[in-house]
């Protein structure tokens, strides 16, 4: 299976667990988060060809359109988006 899934908020908690499950099922995962956690880094090493980390702050709304265009240019259109990112106040 070579379907690309984008997961936001992928560095820990539910986002990290979703990435792990998708990778185990054979999906290619584009993991978006502000920082690369040690757990996500370990997953990246384990699934080096199936997981790509992109550091991004999704609360910066002015950069969303350019980000989407660049991700599609580099990785192609995704099969799915799992929007797990949250903003703490």
PDB file of N, CA and C in Angstrom:
ATOM      1  N   UNK A   1       0.859  -1.177   0.000  1.00  0.00           N
ATOM      2  CA  UNK A   1       0.000   0.000   0.000  1.00  0.00           C
ATOM      3  C   UNK A   1       0.897   1.229   0.000  1.00  0.00           C
ATOM      4  N   UNK A   2       0.649   2.154  -0.879  1.00  0.00           N
ATOM      5  CA  UNK A   2       1.457   3.353  -0.953  1.00  0.00           C
ATOM      6  C   UNK A   2       0.602   4.598  -0.817  1.00  0.00           C
ATOM      7  N   UNK A   3      -0.397   4.546   0.012  1.00  0.00           N
ATOM      8  CA  UNK A   3      -1.284   5.687   0.205  1.00  0.00           C
ATOM      9  C   UNK A   3      -0.693   6.617   1.255  1.00  0.00           C
ATOM     10  N   UNK A   4      -0.659   7.914   0.916  1.00  0.00           N
ATOM     11  CA  UNK A   4      -0.087   8.921   1.797  1.00  0.00           C
ATOM     12  C   UNK A   4      -1.158   9.494   2.711  1.00  0.00           C
ATOM     13  N   UNK A   5      -0.868   9.491   4.008  1.00  0.00           N
ATOM     14  CA  UNK A   5      -1.756  10.093   4.992  1.00  0.00           C
ATOM     15  C   UNK A   5      -0.973  11.174   5.734  1.00  0.00           C
ATOM     16  N   UNK A   6      -1.566  12.358   5.848  1.00  0.00           N
ATOM     17  CA  UNK A   6      -0.971  13.449   6.609  1.00  0.00           C
ATOM     18  C   UNK A   6      -1.592  13.438   7.998  1.00  0.00           C
ATOM     19  N   UNK A   7      -0.747  13.463   9.011  1.00  0.00           N
ATOM     20  CA  UNK A   7      -1.208  13.493  10.398  1.00  0.00           C
ATOM     21  C   UNK A   7      -0.636  14.744  11.051  1.00  0.00           C
ATOM     22  N   UNK A   8      -1.515  15.630  11.532  1.00  0.00           N
ATOM     23  CA  UNK A   8      -1.058  16.813  12.252  1.00  0.00           C
ATOM     24  C   UNK A   8      -1.024  16.499  13.748  1.00  0.00           C
ATOM     25  N   UNK A   9      -0.214  17.246  14.472  1.00  0.00           N
ATOM     26  CA  UNK A   9      -0.080  16.981  15.907  1.00  0.00           C
ATOM     27  C   UNK A   9       0.517  15.615  16.157  1.00  0.00           C
ATOM     28  N   UNK A  10       1.490  15.246  15.323  1.00  0.00           N
ATOM     29  CA  UNK A  10       2.000  13.878  15.292  1.00  0.00           C
ATOM     30  C   UNK A  10       3.114  13.580  16.285  1.00  0.00           C
ATOM     31  N   UNK A  11       3.565  14.558  17.040  1.00  0.00           N
ATOM     32  CA  UNK A  11       4.762  14.346  17.855  1.00  0.00           C
ATOM     33  C   UNK A  11       4.529  13.577  19.148  1.00  0.00           C
ATOM     34  N   UNK A  12       3.271  13.512  19.598  1.00  0.00           N
ATOM     35  CA  UNK A  12       3.025  12.797  20.863  1.00  0.00           C
ATOM     36  C   UNK A  12       1.553  12.435  20.981  1.00  0.00           C
ATOM     37  N   UNK A  13       1.234  11.706  22.017  1.00  0.00           N
ATOM     38  CA  UNK A  13      -0.159  11.369  22.324  1.00  0.00           C
ATOM     39  C   UNK A  13      -0.891  10.661  21.205  1.00  0.00           C
ATOM     40  N   UNK A  14      -2.115  11.104  20.957  1.00  0.00           N
ATOM     41  CA  UNK A  14      -2.972  10.475  19.962  1.00  0.00           C
ATOM     42  C   UNK A  14      -2.372  10.544  18.559  1.00  0.00           C
ATOM     43  N   UNK A  15      -1.781  11.681  18.213  1.00  0.00           N
ATOM     44  CA  UNK A  15      -1.175  11.822  16.886  1.00  0.00           C
ATOM     45  C   UNK A  15      -0.067  10.806  16.648  1.00  0.00           C
ATOM     46  N   UNK A  16       0.768  10.609  17.649  1.00  0.00           N
ATOM     47  CA  UNK A  16       1.846   9.625  17.550  1.00  0.00           C
ATOM     48  C   UNK A  16       1.281   8.215  17.419  1.00  0.00           C
ATOM     49  N   UNK A  17       0.256   7.911  18.202  1.00  0.00           N
ATOM     50  CA  UNK A  17      -0.372   6.585  18.138  1.00  0.00           C
ATOM     51  C   UNK A  17      -1.012   6.351  16.761  1.00  0.00           C
ATOM     52  N   UNK A  18      -1.617   7.375  16.201  1.00  0.00           N
ATOM     53  CA  UNK A  18      -2.217   7.254  14.864  1.00  0.00           C
ATOM     54  C   UNK A  18      -1.130   6.983  13.835  1.00  0.00           C
ATOM     55  N   UNK A  19      -0.023   7.710  13.916  1.00  0.00           N
ATOM     56  CA  UNK A  19       1.100   7.469  12.992  1.00  0.00           C
ATOM     57  C   UNK A  19       1.571   6.026  13.087  1.00  0.00           C
ATOM     58  N   UNK A  20       1.738   5.545  14.300  1.00  0.00           N
ATOM     59  CA  UNK A  20       2.219   4.174  14.518  1.00  0.00           C
ATOM     60  C   UNK A  20       1.271   3.153  13.876  1.00  0.00           C
ATOM     61  N   UNK A  21      -0.016   3.322  14.092  1.00  0.00           N
ATOM     62  CA  UNK A  21      -1.004   2.385  13.529  1.00  0.00           C
ATOM     63  C   UNK A  21      -1.000   2.433  12.003  1.00  0.00           C
ATOM     64  N   UNK A  22      -0.949   3.618  11.432  1.00  0.00           N
ATOM     65  CA  UNK A  22      -0.933   3.752   9.975  1.00  0.00           C
ATOM     66  C   UNK A  22       0.297   3.093   9.371  1.00  0.00           C
ATOM     67  N   UNK A  23       1.445   3.313   9.993  1.00  0.00           N
ATOM     68  CA  UNK A  23       2.681   2.705   9.499  1.00  0.00           C
ATOM     69  C   UNK A  23       2.615   1.187   9.572  1.00  0.00           C
ATOM     70  N   UNK A  24       2.084   0.659  10.664  1.00  0.00           N
ATOM     71  CA  UNK A  24       1.958  -0.794  10.811  1.00  0.00           C
ATOM     72  C   UNK A  24       1.033  -1.383   9.750  1.00  0.00           C
ATOM     73  N   UNK A  25       0.086  -0.583   9.265  1.00  0.00           N
ATOM     74  CA  UNK A  25      -0.849  -1.048   8.237  1.00  0.00           C
ATOM     75  C   UNK A  25      -0.332  -0.790   6.822  1.00  0.00           C
ATOM     76  N   UNK A  26       0.865  -0.210   6.699  1.00  0.00           N
ATOM     77  CA  UNK A  26       1.487  -0.058   5.396  1.00  0.00           C
ATOM     78  C   UNK A  26       1.287   1.285   4.707  1.00  0.00           C
ATOM     79  N   UNK A  27       0.697   2.246   5.396  1.00  0.00           N
ATOM     80  CA  UNK A  27       0.528   3.565   4.815  1.00  0.00           C
ATOM     81  C   UNK A  27       1.844   4.335   4.857  1.00  0.00           C
ATOM     82  N   UNK A  28       1.989   5.292   3.970  1.00  0.00           N
ATOM     83  CA  UNK A  28       3.066   6.260   4.031  1.00  0.00           C
ATOM     84  C   UNK A  28       2.532   7.441   4.821  1.00  0.00           C
ATOM     85  N   UNK A  29       3.304   7.935   5.793  1.00  0.00           N
ATOM     86  CA  UNK A  29       2.812   8.972   6.698  1.00  0.00           C
ATOM     87  C   UNK A  29       3.688  10.214   6.605  1.00  0.00           C
ATOM     88  N   UNK A  30       3.026  11.348   6.486  1.00  0.00           N
ATOM     89  CA  UNK A  30       3.660  12.644   6.579  1.00  0.00           C
ATOM     90  C   UNK A  30       3.238  13.221   7.918  1.00  0.00           C
ATOM     91  N   UNK A  31       4.176  13.263   8.873  1.00  0.00           N
ATOM     92  CA  UNK A  31       3.888  13.657  10.253  1.00  0.00           C
ATOM     93  C   UNK A  31       4.214  15.129  10.451  1.00  0.00           C
ATOM     94  N   UNK A  32       3.194  15.934  10.762  1.00  0.00           N
ATOM     95  CA  UNK A  32       3.372  17.359  10.971  1.00  0.00           C
ATOM     96  C   UNK A  32       3.265  17.688  12.456  1.00  0.00           C
ATOM     97  N   UNK A  33       4.218  18.466  12.946  1.00  0.00           N
ATOM     98  CA  UNK A  33       4.218  18.918  14.342  1.00  0.00           C
ATOM     99  C   UNK A  33       5.211  20.070  14.457  1.00  0.00           C
ATOM    100  N   UNK A  34       5.109  20.807  15.554  1.00  0.00           N
ATOM    101  CA  UNK A  34       6.061  21.902  15.765  1.00  0.00           C
ATOM    102  C   UNK A  34       7.459  21.386  16.048  1.00  0.00           C
ATOM    103  N   UNK A  35       7.550  20.301  16.814  1.00  0.00           N
ATOM    104  CA  UNK A  35       8.862  19.766  17.182  1.00  0.00           C
ATOM    105  C   UNK A  35       8.883  18.250  16.982  1.00  0.00           C
ATOM    106  N   UNK A  36      10.074  17.751  16.766  1.00  0.00           N
ATOM    107  CA  UNK A  36      10.286  16.313  16.616  1.00  0.00           C
ATOM    108  C   UNK A  36      10.570  15.729  17.995  1.00  0.00           C
ATOM    109  N   UNK A  37       9.621  14.984  18.527  1.00  0.00           N
ATOM    110  CA  UNK A  37       9.812  14.353  19.838  1.00  0.00           C
ATOM    111  C   UNK A  37      10.722  13.136  19.685  1.00  0.00           C
ATOM    112  N   UNK A  38      11.256  12.672  20.800  1.00  0.00           N
ATOM    113  CA  UNK A  38      12.114  11.485  20.746  1.00  0.00           C
ATOM    114  C   UNK A  38      11.322  10.254  20.293  1.00  0.00           C
ATOM    115  N   UNK A  39      10.057  10.163  20.689  1.00  0.00           N
ATOM    116  CA  UNK A  39       9.228   9.024  20.270  1.00  0.00           C
ATOM    117  C   UNK A  39       8.955   9.050  18.769  1.00  0.00           C
ATOM    118  N   UNK A  40       8.664  10.229  18.225  1.00  0.00           N
ATOM    119  CA  UNK A  40       8.429  10.332  16.787  1.00  0.00           C
ATOM    120  C   UNK A  40       9.726  10.094  16.023  1.00  0.00           C
ATOM    121  N   UNK A  41      10.839  10.564  16.568  1.00  0.00           N
ATOM    122  CA  UNK A  41      12.131  10.318  15.944  1.00  0.00           C
ATOM    123  C   UNK A  41      12.427   8.818  15.882  1.00  0.00           C
ATOM    124  N   UNK A  42      12.106   8.097  16.942  1.00  0.00           N
ATOM    125  CA  UNK A  42      12.306   6.642  16.951  1.00  0.00           C
ATOM    126  C   UNK A  42      11.448   5.974  15.874  1.00  0.00           C
ATOM    127  N   UNK A  43      10.215   6.443  15.710  1.00  0.00           N
ATOM    128  CA  UNK A  43       9.357   5.901  14.646  1.00  0.00           C
ATOM    129  C   UNK A  43       9.937   6.201  13.273  1.00  0.00           C
ATOM    130  N   UNK A  44      10.488   7.405  13.121  1.00  0.00           N
ATOM    131  CA  UNK A  44      11.105   7.801  11.854  1.00  0.00           C
ATOM    132  C   UNK A  44      12.263   6.869  11.516  1.00  0.00           C
ATOM    133  N   UNK A  45      13.046   6.522  12.518  1.00  0.00           N
ATOM    134  CA  UNK A  45      14.167   5.600  12.293  1.00  0.00           C
ATOM    135  C   UNK A  45      13.678   4.190  11.985  1.00  0.00           C
ATOM    136  N   UNK A  46      12.610   3.768  12.635  1.00  0.00           N
ATOM    137  CA  UNK A  46      12.075   2.426  12.421  1.00  0.00           C
ATOM    138  C   UNK A  46      11.440   2.296  11.039  1.00  0.00           C
ATOM    139  N   UNK A  47      10.757   3.329  10.593  1.00  0.00           N
ATOM    140  CA  UNK A  47      10.050   3.313   9.300  1.00  0.00           C
ATOM    141  C   UNK A  47      10.645   4.381   8.391  1.00  0.00           C
ATOM    142  N   UNK A  48      11.938   4.298   8.142  1.00  0.00           N
ATOM    143  CA  UNK A  48      12.637   5.380   7.455  1.00  0.00           C
ATOM    144  C   UNK A  48      12.064   5.735   6.084  1.00  0.00           C
ATOM    145  N   UNK A  49      11.572   4.780   5.352  1.00  0.00           N
ATOM    146  CA  UNK A  49      11.020   5.097   4.030  1.00  0.00           C
ATOM    147  C   UNK A  49       9.524   5.387   4.079  1.00  0.00           C
ATOM    148  N   UNK A  50       8.884   5.114   5.197  1.00  0.00           N
ATOM    149  CA  UNK A  50       7.440   5.284   5.266  1.00  0.00           C
ATOM    150  C   UNK A  50       6.966   6.485   6.051  1.00  0.00           C
ATOM    151  N   UNK A  51       7.887   7.143   6.763  1.00  0.00           N
ATOM    152  CA  UNK A  51       7.496   8.254   7.628  1.00  0.00           C
ATOM    153  C   UNK A  51       8.404   9.449   7.380  1.00  0.00           C
ATOM    154  N   UNK A  52       7.782  10.578   7.105  1.00  0.00           N
ATOM    155  CA  UNK A  52       8.519  11.827   6.921  1.00  0.00           C
ATOM    156  C   UNK A  52       7.987  12.836   7.927  1.00  0.00           C
ATOM    157  N   UNK A  53       8.893  13.495   8.654  1.00  0.00           N
ATOM    158  CA  UNK A  53       8.516  14.523   9.616  1.00  0.00           C
ATOM    159  C   UNK A  53       8.677  15.895   8.976  1.00  0.00           C
ATOM    160  N   UNK A  54       7.668  16.756   9.194  1.00  0.00           N
ATOM    161  CA  UNK A  54       7.733  18.140   8.741  1.00  0.00           C
ATOM    162  C   UNK A  54       7.460  19.032   9.947  1.00  0.00           C
ATOM    163  N   UNK A  55       8.417  19.899  10.264  1.00  0.00           N
ATOM    164  CA  UNK A  55       8.250  20.831  11.376  1.00  0.00           C
ATOM    165  C   UNK A  55       7.441  22.029  10.887  1.00  0.00           C
ATOM    166  N   UNK A  56       6.292  22.247  11.517  1.00  0.00           N
ATOM    167  CA  UNK A  56       5.419  23.343  11.099  1.00  0.00           C
ATOM    168  C   UNK A  56       4.545  23.776  12.272  1.00  0.00           C
ATOM    169  N   UNK A  57       4.294  25.080  12.339  1.00  0.00           N
ATOM    170  CA  UNK A  57       3.384  25.627  13.333  1.00  0.00           C
ATOM    171  C   UNK A  57       2.074  25.946  12.615  1.00  0.00           C
ATOM    172  N   UNK A  58       1.076  25.110  12.789  1.00  0.00           N
ATOM    173  CA  UNK A  58      -0.186  25.265  12.075  1.00  0.00           C
ATOM    174  C   UNK A  58      -1.043  26.405  12.612  1.00  0.00           C
ATOM    175  N   UNK A  59      -0.634  27.029  13.697  1.00  0.00           N
ATOM    176  CA  UNK A  59      -1.375  28.189  14.181  1.00  0.00           C
ATOM    177  C   UNK A  59      -1.046  29.438  13.365  1.00  0.00           C
ATOM    178  N   UNK A  60      -0.003  29.375  12.543  1.00  0.00           N
ATOM    179  CA  UNK A  60       0.367  30.471  11.650  1.00  0.00           C
ATOM    180  C   UNK A  60      -0.445  30.339  10.358  1.00  0.00           C
ATOM    181  N   UNK A  61      -1.648  30.872  10.366  1.00  0.00           N
ATOM    182  CA  UNK A  61      -2.598  30.670   9.269  1.00  0.00           C
ATOM    183  C   UNK A  61      -2.125  31.229   7.938  1.00  0.00           C
ATOM    184  N   UNK A  62      -1.271  32.226   7.949  1.00  0.00           N
ATOM    185  CA  UNK A  62      -0.779  32.805   6.695  1.00  0.00           C
ATOM    186  C   UNK A  62       0.085  31.830   5.910  1.00  0.00           C
ATOM    187  N   UNK A  63       0.639  30.841   6.587  1.00  0.00           N
ATOM    188  CA  UNK A  63       1.528  29.891   5.912  1.00  0.00           C
ATOM    189  C   UNK A  63       0.848  28.584   5.509  1.00  0.00           C
ATOM    190  N   UNK A  64      -0.438  28.430   5.775  1.00  0.00           N
ATOM    191  CA  UNK A  64      -1.117  27.160   5.475  1.00  0.00           C
ATOM    192  C   UNK A  64      -1.162  26.887   3.974  1.00  0.00           C
ATOM    193  N   UNK A  65      -1.603  27.859   3.175  1.00  0.00           N
ATOM    194  CA  UNK A  65      -1.703  27.651   1.726  1.00  0.00           C
ATOM    195  C   UNK A  65      -0.343  27.338   1.093  1.00  0.00           C
ATOM    196  N   UNK A  66       0.705  28.132   1.394  1.00  0.00           N
ATOM    197  CA  UNK A  66       2.016  27.779   0.829  1.00  0.00           C
ATOM    198  C   UNK A  66       2.505  26.399   1.307  1.00  0.00           C
ATOM    199  N   UNK A  67       2.227  26.058   2.559  1.00  0.00           N
ATOM    200  CA  UNK A  67       2.616  24.749   3.085  1.00  0.00           C
ATOM    201  C   UNK A  67       1.932  23.637   2.299  1.00  0.00           C
ATOM    202  N   UNK A  68       0.628  23.753   2.119  1.00  0.00           N
ATOM    203  CA  UNK A  68      -0.121  22.722   1.374  1.00  0.00           C
ATOM    204  C   UNK A  68       0.413  22.572  -0.041  1.00  0.00           C
ATOM    205  N   UNK A  69       0.655  23.688  -0.704  1.00  0.00           N
ATOM    206  CA  UNK A  69       1.184  23.642  -2.076  1.00  0.00           C
ATOM    207  C   UNK A  69       2.535  22.948  -2.123  1.00  0.00           C
ATOM    208  N   UNK A  70       3.390  23.254  -1.165  1.00  0.00           N
ATOM    209  CA  UNK A  70       4.725  22.649  -1.134  1.00  0.00           C
ATOM    210  C   UNK A  70       4.657  21.147  -0.823  1.00  0.00           C
ATOM    211  N   UNK A  71       3.797  20.763   0.113  1.00  0.00           N
ATOM    212  CA  UNK A  71       3.664  19.344   0.445  1.00  0.00           C
ATOM    213  C   UNK A  71       3.152  18.536  -0.739  1.00  0.00           C
ATOM    214  N   UNK A  72       2.177  19.084  -1.458  1.00  0.00           N
ATOM    215  CA  UNK A  72       1.650  18.392  -2.646  1.00  0.00           C
ATOM    216  C   UNK A  72       2.721  18.303  -3.725  1.00  0.00           C
ATOM    217  N   UNK A  73       3.480  19.378  -3.893  1.00  0.00           N
ATOM    218  CA  UNK A  73       4.557  19.387  -4.883  1.00  0.00           C
ATOM    219  C   UNK A  73       5.597  18.314  -4.575  1.00  0.00           C
ATOM    220  N   UNK A  74       5.960  18.190  -3.289  1.00  0.00           N
ATOM    221  CA  UNK A  74       7.010  17.251  -2.894  1.00  0.00           C
ATOM    222  C   UNK A  74       6.529  15.808  -2.771  1.00  0.00           C
ATOM    223  N   UNK A  75       5.292  15.609  -2.290  1.00  0.00           N
ATOM    224  CA  UNK A  75       4.841  14.261  -1.932  1.00  0.00           C
ATOM    225  C   UNK A  75       3.629  13.768  -2.721  1.00  0.00           C
ATOM    226  N   UNK A  76       3.009  14.632  -3.487  1.00  0.00           N
ATOM    227  CA  UNK A  76       1.801  14.256  -4.209  1.00  0.00           C
ATOM    228  C   UNK A  76       0.567  14.483  -3.341  1.00  0.00           C
ATOM    229  N   UNK A  77      -0.580  14.285  -3.927  1.00  0.00           N
ATOM    230  CA  UNK A  77      -1.840  14.492  -3.195  1.00  0.00           C
ATOM    231  C   UNK A  77      -2.039  13.383  -2.165  1.00  0.00           C
ATOM    232  N   UNK A  78      -2.438  13.762  -0.961  1.00  0.00           N
ATOM    233  CA  UNK A  78      -2.630  12.748   0.085  1.00  0.00           C
ATOM    234  C   UNK A  78      -3.917  11.959  -0.100  1.00  0.00           C
ATOM    235  N   UNK A  79      -3.906  10.768   0.412  1.00  0.00           N
ATOM    236  CA  UNK A  79      -5.092   9.913   0.461  1.00  0.00           C
ATOM    237  C   UNK A  79      -6.039  10.399   1.552  1.00  0.00           C
ATOM    238  N   UNK A  80      -5.456  10.862   2.668  1.00  0.00           N
ATOM    239  CA  UNK A  80      -6.270  11.314   3.798  1.00  0.00           C
ATOM    240  C   UNK A  80      -5.492  12.314   4.636  1.00  0.00           C
ATOM    241  N   UNK A  81      -6.249  13.115   5.396  1.00  0.00           N
ATOM    242  CA  UNK A  81      -5.694  14.044   6.369  1.00  0.00           C
ATOM    243  C   UNK A  81      -6.345  13.750   7.713  1.00  0.00           C
ATOM    244  N   UNK A  82      -5.501  13.550   8.718  1.00  0.00           N
ATOM    245  CA  UNK A  82      -6.002  13.390  10.084  1.00  0.00           C
ATOM    246  C   UNK A  82      -5.534  14.619  10.850  1.00  0.00           C
ATOM    247  N   UNK A  83      -6.466  15.529  11.107  1.00  0.00           N
ATOM    248  CA  UNK A  83      -6.145  16.795  11.742  1.00  0.00           C
ATOM    249  C   UNK A  83      -6.262  16.659  13.250  1.00  0.00           C
ATOM    250  N   UNK A  84      -5.147  16.371  13.870  1.00  0.00           N
ATOM    251  CA  UNK A  84      -5.093  16.137  15.321  1.00  0.00           C
ATOM    252  C   UNK A  84      -4.426  17.288  16.063  1.00  0.00           C
ATOM    253  N   UNK A  85      -3.946  18.301  15.335  1.00  0.00           N
ATOM    254  CA  UNK A  85      -3.229  19.407  15.971  1.00  0.00           C
ATOM    255  C   UNK A  85      -4.163  20.242  16.828  1.00  0.00           C
ATOM    256  N   UNK A  86      -3.624  20.744  17.916  1.00  0.00           N
ATOM    257  CA  UNK A  86      -4.395  21.611  18.818  1.00  0.00           C
ATOM    258  C   UNK A  86      -3.536  22.798  19.205  1.00  0.00           C
ATOM    259  N   UNK A  87      -4.192  23.861  19.545  1.00  0.00           N
ATOM    260  CA  UNK A  87      -3.497  25.053  19.993  1.00  0.00           C
ATOM    261  C   UNK A  87      -3.868  25.303  21.441  1.00  0.00           C
ATOM    262  N   UNK A  88      -2.877  25.374  22.299  1.00  0.00           N
ATOM    263  CA  UNK A  88      -3.132  25.636  23.716  1.00  0.00           C
ATOM    264  C   UNK A  88      -3.155  27.130  23.985  1.00  0.00           C
ATOM    265  N   UNK A  89      -4.059  27.547  24.819  1.00  0.00           N
ATOM    266  CA  UNK A  89      -4.148  28.971  25.181  1.00  0.00           C
ATOM    267  C   UNK A  89      -3.893  29.136  26.652  1.00  0.00           C
TER     268      UNK A  89
END
